[in-house]
PDB file of N, CA and C in Angstrom:
ATOM      1  N   MET A   1       1.175  -1.574  -0.418  1.00  0.00           N
ATOM      2  CA  MET A   1      -0.003   0.041  -0.398  1.00  0.00           C
ATOM      3  C   MET A   1       0.816   1.363   0.136  1.00  0.00           C
ATOM      4  N   PHE A   2       1.849   1.332   0.890  1.00  0.00           N
ATOM      5  CA  PHE A   2       2.526   2.631   0.818  1.00  0.00           C
ATOM      6  C   PHE A   2       4.099   2.300  -0.152  1.00  0.00           C
ATOM      7  N   GLU A   3       4.080   1.427  -0.744  1.00  0.00           N
ATOM      8  CA  GLU A   3       5.372   1.697  -2.077  1.00  0.00           C
ATOM      9  C   GLU A   3       4.894   3.151  -2.705  1.00  0.00           C
ATOM     10  N   CYS A   4       3.639   3.560  -2.786  1.00  0.00           N
ATOM     11  CA  CYS A   4       3.216   4.919  -4.236  1.00  0.00           C
ATOM     12  C   CYS A   4       3.722   5.941  -3.964  1.00  0.00           C
ATOM     13  N   LEU A   5       3.856   5.827  -2.340  1.00  0.00           N
ATOM     14  CA  LEU A   5       3.977   6.814  -1.453  1.00  0.00           C
ATOM     15  C   LEU A   5       5.888   7.766  -2.316  1.00  0.00           C
ATOM     16  N   PRO A   6       5.773   8.602  -2.305  1.00  0.00           N
ATOM     17  CA  PRO A   6       7.562   9.447  -2.623  1.00  0.00           C
ATOM     18  C   PRO A   6       8.829   8.552  -1.444  1.00  0.00           C
ATOM     19  N   GLU A   7      10.215   8.674  -2.499  1.00  0.00           N
ATOM     20  CA  GLU A   7      10.902   8.625  -0.856  1.00  0.00           C
ATOM     21  C   GLU A   7      11.277   9.726  -0.902  1.00  0.00           C
ATOM     22  N   ILE A   8      11.687   9.570   0.136  1.00  0.00           N
ATOM     23  CA  ILE A   8      12.282  10.915   0.833  1.00  0.00           C
ATOM     24  C   ILE A   8      13.844  11.244   0.738  1.00  0.00           C
ATOM     25  N   ASP A   9      14.006  12.111  -0.041  1.00  0.00           N
ATOM     26  CA  ASP A   9      16.067  12.390   0.002  1.00  0.00           C
ATOM     27  C   ASP A   9      16.432  13.269   0.828  1.00  0.00           C
ATOM     28  N   PRO A  10      17.127  12.697   1.541  1.00  0.00           N
ATOM     29  CA  PRO A  10      17.053  14.146   2.755  1.00  0.00           C
ATOM     30  C   PRO A  10      18.367  14.761   2.362  1.00  0.00           C
ATOM     31  N   SER A  11      19.010  14.618   1.237  1.00  0.00           N
ATOM     32  CA  SER A  11      19.936  15.757   0.864  1.00  0.00           C
ATOM     33  C   SER A  11      19.245  16.327  -0.306  1.00  0.00           C
ATOM     34  N   ALA A  12      17.910  16.347  -0.760  1.00  0.00           N
ATOM     35  CA  ALA A  12      17.447  17.090  -1.505  1.00  0.00           C
ATOM     36  C   ALA A  12      17.153  18.679  -1.010  1.00  0.00           C
ATOM     37  N   ASP A  13      17.116  19.734  -1.817  1.00  0.00           N
ATOM     38  CA  ASP A  13      17.196  21.056  -1.855  1.00  0.00           C
ATOM     39  C   ASP A  13      16.020  21.422  -1.412  1.00  0.00           C
ATOM     40  N   GLU A  14      15.767  23.065  -0.497  1.00  0.00           N
ATOM     41  CA  GLU A  14      14.781  23.144   0.226  1.00  0.00           C
ATOM     42  C   GLU A  14      13.491  23.164  -0.922  1.00  0.00           C
ATOM     43  N   SER A  15      13.134  22.999  -1.414  1.00  0.00           N
ATOM     44  CA  SER A  15      12.042  23.310  -2.578  1.00  0.00           C
ATOM     45  C   SER A  15      11.874  21.648  -2.857  1.00  0.00           C
ATOM     46  N   THR A  16      12.735  21.027  -3.161  1.00  0.00           N
ATOM     47  CA  THR A  16      12.041  20.110  -3.440  1.00  0.00           C
ATOM     48  C   THR A  16      11.344  19.466  -2.398  1.00  0.00           C
ATOM     49  N   LEU A  17      12.076  19.418  -1.048  1.00  0.00           N
ATOM     50  CA  LEU A  17      11.366  18.785   0.014  1.00  0.00           C
ATOM     51  C   LEU A  17      10.291  20.233   0.725  1.00  0.00           C
ATOM     52  N   ILE A  18      10.100  20.983   0.481  1.00  0.00           N
ATOM     53  CA  ILE A  18       8.914  21.709   0.816  1.00  0.00           C
ATOM     54  C   ILE A  18       7.491  21.014  -0.360  1.00  0.00           C
ATOM     55  N   ASP A  19       7.664  20.732  -1.808  1.00  0.00           N
ATOM     56  CA  ASP A  19       6.626  20.084  -2.416  1.00  0.00           C
ATOM     57  C   ASP A  19       7.254  18.269  -2.424  1.00  0.00           C
ATOM     58  N   GLN A  20       7.405  17.798  -2.151  1.00  0.00           N
ATOM     59  CA  GLN A  20       7.218  16.954  -1.350  1.00  0.00           C
ATOM     60  C   GLN A  20       6.612  17.024   0.287  1.00  0.00           C
ATOM     61  N   ILE A  21       6.391  17.437   0.763  1.00  0.00           N
ATOM     62  CA  ILE A  21       5.320  17.548   1.774  1.00  0.00           C
ATOM     63  C   ILE A  21       4.311  17.910   1.978  1.00  0.00           C
ATOM     64  N   ALA A  22       4.436  18.658   0.920  1.00  0.00           N
ATOM     65  CA  ALA A  22       2.691  19.314  -0.308  1.00  0.00           C
ATOM     66  C   ALA A  22       1.820  17.842  -0.174  1.00  0.00           C
ATOM     67  N   GLU A  23       3.061  16.936  -1.506  1.00  0.00           N
ATOM     68  CA  GLU A  23       2.696  16.310  -2.537  1.00  0.00           C
ATOM     69  C   GLU A  23       2.011  14.850  -1.228  1.00  0.00           C
ATOM     70  N   LEU A  24       2.916  14.610   0.429  1.00  0.00           N
ATOM     71  CA  LEU A  24       2.104  14.262   1.224  1.00  0.00           C
ATOM     72  C   LEU A  24       0.964  14.627   2.145  1.00  0.00           C
ATOM     73  N   GLU A  25       0.746  15.784   2.648  1.00  0.00           N
ATOM     74  CA  GLU A  25      -0.357  15.830   2.873  1.00  0.00           C
ATOM     75  C   GLU A  25      -1.603  16.304   1.908  1.00  0.00           C
ATOM     76  N   THR A  26      -1.336  15.931   0.650  1.00  0.00           N
ATOM     77  CA  THR A  26      -2.712  15.995  -0.328  1.00  0.00           C
ATOM     78  C   THR A  26      -3.111  14.833  -0.012  1.00  0.00           C
ATOM     79  N   VAL A  27      -1.954  13.492   0.069  1.00  0.00           N
ATOM     80  CA  VAL A  27      -1.958  12.114   0.436  1.00  0.00           C
ATOM     81  C   VAL A  27      -3.080  11.890   1.478  1.00  0.00           C
ATOM     82  N   LYS A  28      -2.156  12.733   2.621  1.00  0.00           N
ATOM     83  CA  LYS A  28      -2.701  12.332   4.208  1.00  0.00           C
ATOM     84  C   LYS A  28      -4.431  12.702   3.912  1.00  0.00           C
ATOM     85  N   SER A  29      -5.183  14.241   3.701  1.00  0.00           N
ATOM     86  CA  SER A  29      -6.383  14.613   3.094  1.00  0.00           C
ATOM     87  C   SER A  29      -7.131  13.179   2.868  1.00  0.00           C
ATOM     88  N   ALA A  30      -6.623  12.915   1.514  1.00  0.00           N
ATOM     89  CA  ALA A  30      -7.298  12.005   0.898  1.00  0.00           C
ATOM     90  C   ALA A  30      -7.657  10.954   1.586  1.00  0.00           C
ATOM     91  N   ALA A  31      -6.503  10.025   1.801  1.00  0.00           N
ATOM     92  CA  ALA A  31      -6.606   9.211   3.168  1.00  0.00           C
ATOM     93  C   ALA A  31      -7.949   9.722   4.456  1.00  0.00           C
ATOM     94  N   ALA A  32      -7.663  10.461   4.646  1.00  0.00           N
ATOM     95  CA  ALA A  32      -8.808  11.221   6.056  1.00  0.00           C
ATOM     96  C   ALA A  32     -10.213  10.904   5.442  1.00  0.00           C
ATOM     97  N   ALA A  33     -10.474  11.688   3.975  1.00  0.00           N
ATOM     98  CA  ALA A  33     -11.190  11.580   3.251  1.00  0.00           C
ATOM     99  C   ALA A  33     -12.007  10.028   3.186  1.00  0.00           C
ATOM    100  N   ARG A  34     -11.138   9.349   2.785  1.00  0.00           N
ATOM    101  CA  ARG A  34     -11.881   8.121   2.541  1.00  0.00           C
ATOM    102  C   ARG A  34     -12.366   7.714   4.268  1.00  0.00           C
ATOM    103  N   GLN A  35     -10.927   7.596   4.786  1.00  0.00           N
ATOM    104  CA  GLN A  35     -11.769   6.748   6.140  1.00  0.00           C
ATOM    105  C   GLN A  35     -13.200   7.375   6.668  1.00  0.00           C
ATOM    106  N   ALA A  36     -13.850   8.845   6.651  1.00  0.00           N
ATOM    107  CA  ALA A  36     -14.675   9.035   7.021  1.00  0.00           C
ATOM    108  C   ALA A  36     -15.407   8.600   6.531  1.00  0.00           C
ATOM    109  N   ARG A  37     -15.566   8.620   5.206  1.00  0.00           N
ATOM    110  CA  ARG A  37     -16.486   7.781   4.451  1.00  0.00           C
ATOM    111  C   ARG A  37     -17.064   6.027   4.896  1.00  0.00           C
ATOM    112  N   ALA A  38     -15.540   5.575   4.972  1.00  0.00           N
ATOM    113  CA  ALA A  38     -15.937   4.391   5.439  1.00  0.00           C
ATOM    114  C   ALA A  38     -16.412   4.746   6.680  1.00  0.00           C
ATOM    115  N   THR A  39     -16.348   5.500   7.963  1.00  0.00           N
ATOM    116  CA  THR A  39     -16.879   4.794   8.820  1.00  0.00           C
ATOM    117  C   THR A  39     -17.880   5.580   9.037  1.00  0.00           C
ATOM    118  N   ALA A  40     -18.947   6.240   8.093  1.00  0.00           N
ATOM    119  CA  ALA A  40     -19.755   7.244   7.916  1.00  0.00           C
ATOM    120  C   ALA A  40     -20.951   5.938   7.447  1.00  0.00           C
ATOM    121  N   ALA A  41     -20.354   5.472   6.316  1.00  0.00           N
ATOM    122  CA  ALA A  41     -20.650   3.872   5.792  1.00  0.00           C
ATOM    123  C   ALA A  41     -21.179   2.645   6.493  1.00  0.00           C
ATOM    124  N   LEU A  42     -19.949   2.008   7.725  1.00  0.00           N
ATOM    125  CA  LEU A  42     -20.195   1.479   8.832  1.00  0.00           C
ATOM    126  C   LEU A  42     -21.597   1.800  10.143  1.00  0.00           C
ATOM    127  N   ASP A  43     -21.109   2.767  10.187  1.00  0.00           N
ATOM    128  CA  ASP A  43     -22.424   3.331  10.833  1.00  0.00           C
ATOM    129  C   ASP A  43     -23.613   3.118  10.099  1.00  0.00           C
ATOM    130  N   ALA A  44     -24.054   3.129   8.997  1.00  0.00           N
ATOM    131  CA  ALA A  44     -25.096   3.590   8.446  1.00  0.00           C
ATOM    132  C   ALA A  44     -25.615   1.908   8.474  1.00  0.00           C
ATOM    133  N   SER A  45     -25.020   0.806   8.307  1.00  0.00           N
ATOM    134  CA  SER A  45     -25.112  -0.096   8.062  1.00  0.00           C
ATOM    135  C   SER A  45     -25.943  -0.987   9.726  1.00  0.00           C
TER     136      SER A  45
END
């Protein structure tokens, strides 16, 4: 499941690291939304 996440290069420049953080925040938000929908579906069943 986590293989699709980007590898973090600690030696990358600041701009690249900021872009990677933003990408990971987007993934985290999408996961939270799916979790909320799954929880609502479970509660409704």
